[in-house]
Amino acid sequence: MLVLSRKVGERIHIGDDVFVEIRRVSGNRVTLAVNAPRAVRVLRGELLEAVKSFGQPSEEVQPEQAQSETYIVSHDNIAPNEGIPGSQTVG
């Protein structure tokens, strides 16, 4: 797992078409903006198990229909020098 420190406004690029930008840090709360094509599923870590229990969606977006979208994600209770709870390695 790669662990990075970023300041507000800085980005982390994942592959060619996904990036995460730090929007705000206030106490133990971090707000992130995730920009990814529609074909890339973006989930909060704690929702991953709930989605798995319902099974895979029956209709998926085809790559030629994919467009980039930005998702804003907030997460509380991040202690200094720790990773984001519920984060996972993307492979």
N, C-alpha and C. Protein backbone atom coordinates (compact mmCIF):
# COMPACT_ATOMS: atom_id res chain seq x y z
N MET A 1 0.85 -1.17 0.00
CA MET A 1 0.00 0.00 0.00
C MET A 1 0.89 1.23 0.00
N LEU A 2 0.56 2.16 -0.86
CA LEU A 2 1.28 3.43 -0.92
C LEU A 2 0.61 4.43 0.02
N VAL A 3 1.38 5.05 0.90
CA VAL A 3 0.85 6.05 1.82
C VAL A 3 1.49 7.39 1.48
N LEU A 4 0.66 8.40 1.21
CA LEU A 4 1.15 9.71 0.81
C LEU A 4 0.60 10.80 1.73
N SER A 5 1.35 11.86 1.89
CA SER A 5 0.86 13.06 2.56
C SER A 5 0.59 14.09 1.48
N ARG A 6 -0.54 14.72 1.53
CA ARG A 6 -0.93 15.73 0.55
C ARG A 6 -1.49 16.93 1.28
N LYS A 7 -1.39 18.09 0.66
CA LYS A 7 -1.98 19.32 1.20
C LYS A 7 -3.23 19.64 0.39
N VAL A 8 -4.05 20.54 0.92
CA VAL A 8 -5.27 20.96 0.22
C VAL A 8 -4.91 21.46 -1.17
N GLY A 9 -5.66 20.97 -2.16
CA GLY A 9 -5.44 21.36 -3.55
C GLY A 9 -4.50 20.43 -4.31
N GLU A 10 -3.76 19.59 -3.61
CA GLU A 10 -2.85 18.66 -4.29
C GLU A 10 -3.62 17.43 -4.74
N ARG A 11 -3.10 16.76 -5.78
CA ARG A 11 -3.77 15.61 -6.38
C ARG A 11 -2.89 14.36 -6.33
N ILE A 12 -3.58 13.23 -6.41
CA ILE A 12 -2.95 11.93 -6.57
C ILE A 12 -3.54 11.35 -7.86
N HIS A 13 -2.69 11.00 -8.81
CA HIS A 13 -3.15 10.43 -10.08
C HIS A 13 -3.03 8.91 -10.03
N ILE A 14 -4.07 8.23 -10.48
CA ILE A 14 -4.10 6.77 -10.52
C ILE A 14 -4.35 6.38 -11.96
N GLY A 15 -3.35 5.79 -12.58
CA GLY A 15 -3.47 5.46 -14.00
C GLY A 15 -3.54 6.73 -14.83
N ASP A 16 -4.17 6.62 -16.01
CA ASP A 16 -4.24 7.75 -16.93
C ASP A 16 -5.47 8.63 -16.72
N ASP A 17 -6.54 8.08 -16.14
CA ASP A 17 -7.79 8.83 -16.14
C ASP A 17 -8.50 8.93 -14.79
N VAL A 18 -7.80 8.67 -13.70
CA VAL A 18 -8.39 8.77 -12.37
C VAL A 18 -7.48 9.65 -11.51
N PHE A 19 -8.08 10.62 -10.81
CA PHE A 19 -7.29 11.38 -9.85
C PHE A 19 -8.13 11.68 -8.61
N VAL A 20 -7.41 11.86 -7.50
CA VAL A 20 -8.02 12.19 -6.21
C VAL A 20 -7.41 13.52 -5.78
N GLU A 21 -8.25 14.49 -5.46
CA GLU A 21 -7.78 15.80 -5.02
C GLU A 21 -8.22 16.05 -3.58
N ILE A 22 -7.31 16.58 -2.78
CA ILE A 22 -7.65 16.95 -1.40
C ILE A 22 -8.36 18.29 -1.47
N ARG A 23 -9.62 18.32 -1.01
CA ARG A 23 -10.40 19.55 -1.07
C ARG A 23 -10.35 20.33 0.24
N ARG A 24 -10.40 19.61 1.38
CA ARG A 24 -10.44 20.31 2.66
C ARG A 24 -9.97 19.38 3.76
N VAL A 25 -9.25 19.93 4.73
CA VAL A 25 -8.85 19.20 5.93
C VAL A 25 -9.26 20.07 7.11
N SER A 26 -10.07 19.51 7.99
CA SER A 26 -10.55 20.25 9.15
C SER A 26 -10.57 19.30 10.34
N GLY A 27 -9.62 19.46 11.25
CA GLY A 27 -9.52 18.54 12.39
C GLY A 27 -9.21 17.15 11.90
N ASN A 28 -10.11 16.19 12.23
CA ASN A 28 -9.90 14.81 11.78
C ASN A 28 -10.79 14.46 10.59
N ARG A 29 -11.24 15.47 9.85
CA ARG A 29 -12.12 15.26 8.70
C ARG A 29 -11.40 15.68 7.42
N VAL A 30 -11.43 14.82 6.42
CA VAL A 30 -10.80 15.08 5.13
C VAL A 30 -11.87 14.99 4.05
N THR A 31 -11.91 15.97 3.15
CA THR A 31 -12.83 15.95 2.02
C THR A 31 -12.01 15.75 0.75
N LEU A 32 -12.40 14.73 -0.01
CA LEU A 32 -11.70 14.37 -1.24
C LEU A 32 -12.61 14.54 -2.44
N ALA A 33 -12.04 14.87 -3.59
CA ALA A 33 -12.75 14.86 -4.86
C ALA A 33 -12.12 13.76 -5.70
N VAL A 34 -12.94 12.82 -6.17
CA VAL A 34 -12.45 11.71 -6.99
C VAL A 34 -13.00 11.90 -8.39
N ASN A 35 -12.11 12.00 -9.38
CA ASN A 35 -12.51 12.15 -10.77
C ASN A 35 -12.16 10.86 -11.49
N ALA A 36 -13.18 10.19 -12.04
CA ALA A 36 -12.96 8.91 -12.70
C ALA A 36 -14.02 8.73 -13.79
N PRO A 37 -13.72 7.92 -14.81
CA PRO A 37 -14.73 7.62 -15.82
C PRO A 37 -15.92 6.91 -15.17
N ARG A 38 -17.08 7.03 -15.79
CA ARG A 38 -18.28 6.38 -15.26
C ARG A 38 -18.11 4.87 -15.13
N ALA A 39 -17.29 4.27 -15.97
CA ALA A 39 -17.10 2.82 -15.94
C ALA A 39 -16.31 2.37 -14.70
N VAL A 40 -15.68 3.29 -13.99
CA VAL A 40 -14.91 2.95 -12.80
C VAL A 40 -15.80 3.14 -11.58
N ARG A 41 -16.01 2.08 -10.83
CA ARG A 41 -16.84 2.14 -9.62
C ARG A 41 -16.04 2.79 -8.50
N VAL A 42 -16.64 3.80 -7.87
CA VAL A 42 -16.02 4.48 -6.74
C VAL A 42 -16.94 4.29 -5.54
N LEU A 43 -16.44 3.60 -4.51
CA LEU A 43 -17.24 3.31 -3.32
C LEU A 43 -16.46 3.67 -2.07
N ARG A 44 -17.18 4.12 -1.04
CA ARG A 44 -16.56 4.25 0.27
C ARG A 44 -16.28 2.85 0.78
N GLY A 45 -15.19 2.68 1.50
CA GLY A 45 -14.78 1.36 1.98
C GLY A 45 -15.84 0.63 2.76
N GLU A 46 -16.58 1.35 3.62
CA GLU A 46 -17.58 0.70 4.46
C GLU A 46 -18.78 0.22 3.66
N LEU A 47 -18.95 0.69 2.43
CA LEU A 47 -20.08 0.26 1.60
C LEU A 47 -19.74 -0.94 0.72
N LEU A 48 -18.48 -1.29 0.62
CA LEU A 48 -18.05 -2.38 -0.25
C LEU A 48 -18.74 -3.70 0.10
N GLU A 49 -18.79 -4.05 1.38
CA GLU A 49 -19.43 -5.30 1.79
C GLU A 49 -20.93 -5.28 1.50
N ALA A 50 -21.58 -4.14 1.70
CA ALA A 50 -23.02 -4.04 1.42
C ALA A 50 -23.29 -4.27 -0.06
N VAL A 51 -22.46 -3.71 -0.91
CA VAL A 51 -22.64 -3.88 -2.35
C VAL A 51 -22.41 -5.34 -2.74
N LYS A 52 -21.41 -5.96 -2.15
CA LYS A 52 -21.14 -7.37 -2.46
C LYS A 52 -22.31 -8.26 -2.06
N SER A 53 -22.99 -7.94 -0.96
CA SER A 53 -24.11 -8.76 -0.52
C SER A 53 -25.31 -8.66 -1.45
N PHE A 54 -25.42 -7.57 -2.19
CA PHE A 54 -26.52 -7.42 -3.14
C PHE A 54 -26.16 -7.95 -4.52
N GLY A 55 -24.91 -8.31 -4.74
CA GLY A 55 -24.48 -8.82 -6.04
C GLY A 55 -24.08 -7.71 -6.97
N GLN A 56 -23.64 -8.10 -8.14
CA GLN A 56 -23.18 -7.15 -9.15
C GLN A 56 -24.36 -6.48 -9.84
N PRO A 57 -24.22 -5.21 -10.27
CA PRO A 57 -25.30 -4.56 -11.00
C PRO A 57 -25.54 -5.26 -12.33
N SER A 58 -26.80 -5.30 -12.77
CA SER A 58 -27.13 -6.02 -14.00
C SER A 58 -26.75 -5.22 -15.24
N GLU A 59 -26.67 -3.90 -15.13
CA GLU A 59 -26.34 -3.07 -16.28
C GLU A 59 -25.08 -2.28 -15.98
N GLU A 60 -24.05 -2.49 -16.80
CA GLU A 60 -22.80 -1.78 -16.61
C GLU A 60 -22.61 -0.79 -17.74
N VAL A 61 -21.92 0.30 -17.46
CA VAL A 61 -21.64 1.30 -18.48
C VAL A 61 -20.52 0.79 -19.36
N GLN A 62 -20.73 0.86 -20.67
CA GLN A 62 -19.72 0.44 -21.62
C GLN A 62 -18.65 1.53 -21.72
N PRO A 63 -17.37 1.17 -21.96
CA PRO A 63 -16.30 2.16 -22.00
C PRO A 63 -16.56 3.30 -22.99
N GLU A 64 -17.17 3.02 -24.14
CA GLU A 64 -17.42 4.08 -25.11
C GLU A 64 -18.49 5.05 -24.62
N GLN A 65 -19.29 4.66 -23.64
CA GLN A 65 -20.30 5.54 -23.07
C GLN A 65 -19.76 6.28 -21.85
N ALA A 66 -18.59 5.89 -21.39
CA ALA A 66 -18.06 6.43 -20.15
C ALA A 66 -17.68 7.90 -20.30
N GLN A 67 -17.96 8.65 -19.25
CA GLN A 67 -17.57 10.05 -19.15
C GLN A 67 -16.93 10.23 -17.79
N SER A 68 -16.06 11.23 -17.68
CA SER A 68 -15.46 11.50 -16.38
C SER A 68 -16.45 12.22 -15.49
N GLU A 69 -16.45 11.85 -14.23
CA GLU A 69 -17.27 12.52 -13.24
C GLU A 69 -16.43 12.74 -12.00
N THR A 70 -16.78 13.74 -11.23
CA THR A 70 -16.09 14.02 -9.98
C THR A 70 -17.02 13.68 -8.84
N TYR A 71 -16.52 12.90 -7.89
CA TYR A 71 -17.27 12.51 -6.70
C TYR A 71 -16.59 13.16 -5.51
N ILE A 72 -17.37 13.75 -4.62
CA ILE A 72 -16.82 14.34 -3.41
C ILE A 72 -17.05 13.35 -2.27
N VAL A 73 -15.98 13.00 -1.57
CA VAL A 73 -16.05 12.01 -0.50
C VAL A 73 -15.49 12.63 0.77
N SER A 74 -16.22 12.53 1.88
CA SER A 74 -15.72 13.00 3.17
C SER A 74 -15.57 11.80 4.09
N HIS A 75 -14.60 11.86 4.96
CA HIS A 75 -14.43 10.78 5.91
C HIS A 75 -13.97 11.34 7.23
N ASP A 76 -14.63 10.95 8.31
CA ASP A 76 -14.30 11.40 9.65
C ASP A 76 -13.35 10.42 10.32
N ASN A 77 -12.82 10.84 11.43
CA ASN A 77 -12.03 9.98 12.33
C ASN A 77 -10.76 9.45 11.70
N ILE A 78 -10.05 10.29 10.98
CA ILE A 78 -8.75 9.91 10.44
C ILE A 78 -7.70 10.48 11.38
N ALA A 79 -6.99 9.61 12.03
CA ALA A 79 -5.96 10.05 12.97
C ALA A 79 -4.71 10.44 12.19
N PRO A 80 -3.92 11.36 12.71
CA PRO A 80 -2.67 11.72 12.04
C PRO A 80 -1.80 10.50 11.79
N ASN A 81 -1.14 10.47 10.66
CA ASN A 81 -0.20 9.41 10.26
C ASN A 81 -0.88 8.06 10.06
N GLU A 82 -2.18 8.05 9.78
CA GLU A 82 -2.87 6.81 9.47
C GLU A 82 -3.42 6.90 8.05
N GLY A 83 -3.68 5.76 7.44
CA GLY A 83 -4.30 5.74 6.14
C GLY A 83 -5.78 6.02 6.26
N ILE A 84 -6.45 6.10 5.16
CA ILE A 84 -7.88 6.34 5.17
C ILE A 84 -8.58 5.04 5.51
N PRO A 85 -9.42 5.03 6.57
CA PRO A 85 -10.12 3.80 6.95
C PRO A 85 -10.96 3.29 5.80
N GLY A 86 -10.95 1.99 5.60
CA GLY A 86 -11.75 1.39 4.54
C GLY A 86 -11.11 1.49 3.17
N SER A 87 -9.89 2.03 3.08
CA SER A 87 -9.26 2.16 1.77
C SER A 87 -8.79 0.81 1.31
N GLN A 88 -8.65 0.69 0.01
CA GLN A 88 -8.21 -0.59 -0.54
C GLN A 88 -7.25 -0.32 -1.67
N THR A 89 -6.44 -1.31 -2.01
CA THR A 89 -5.51 -1.20 -3.11
C THR A 89 -6.25 -1.44 -4.41
N VAL A 90 -6.03 -0.56 -5.38
CA VAL A 90 -6.65 -0.71 -6.69
C VAL A 90 -5.64 -1.37 -7.59
N GLY A 91 -6.04 -2.45 -8.25
CA GLY A 91 -5.07 -3.18 -9.06
C GLY A 91 -5.50 -3.44 -10.43
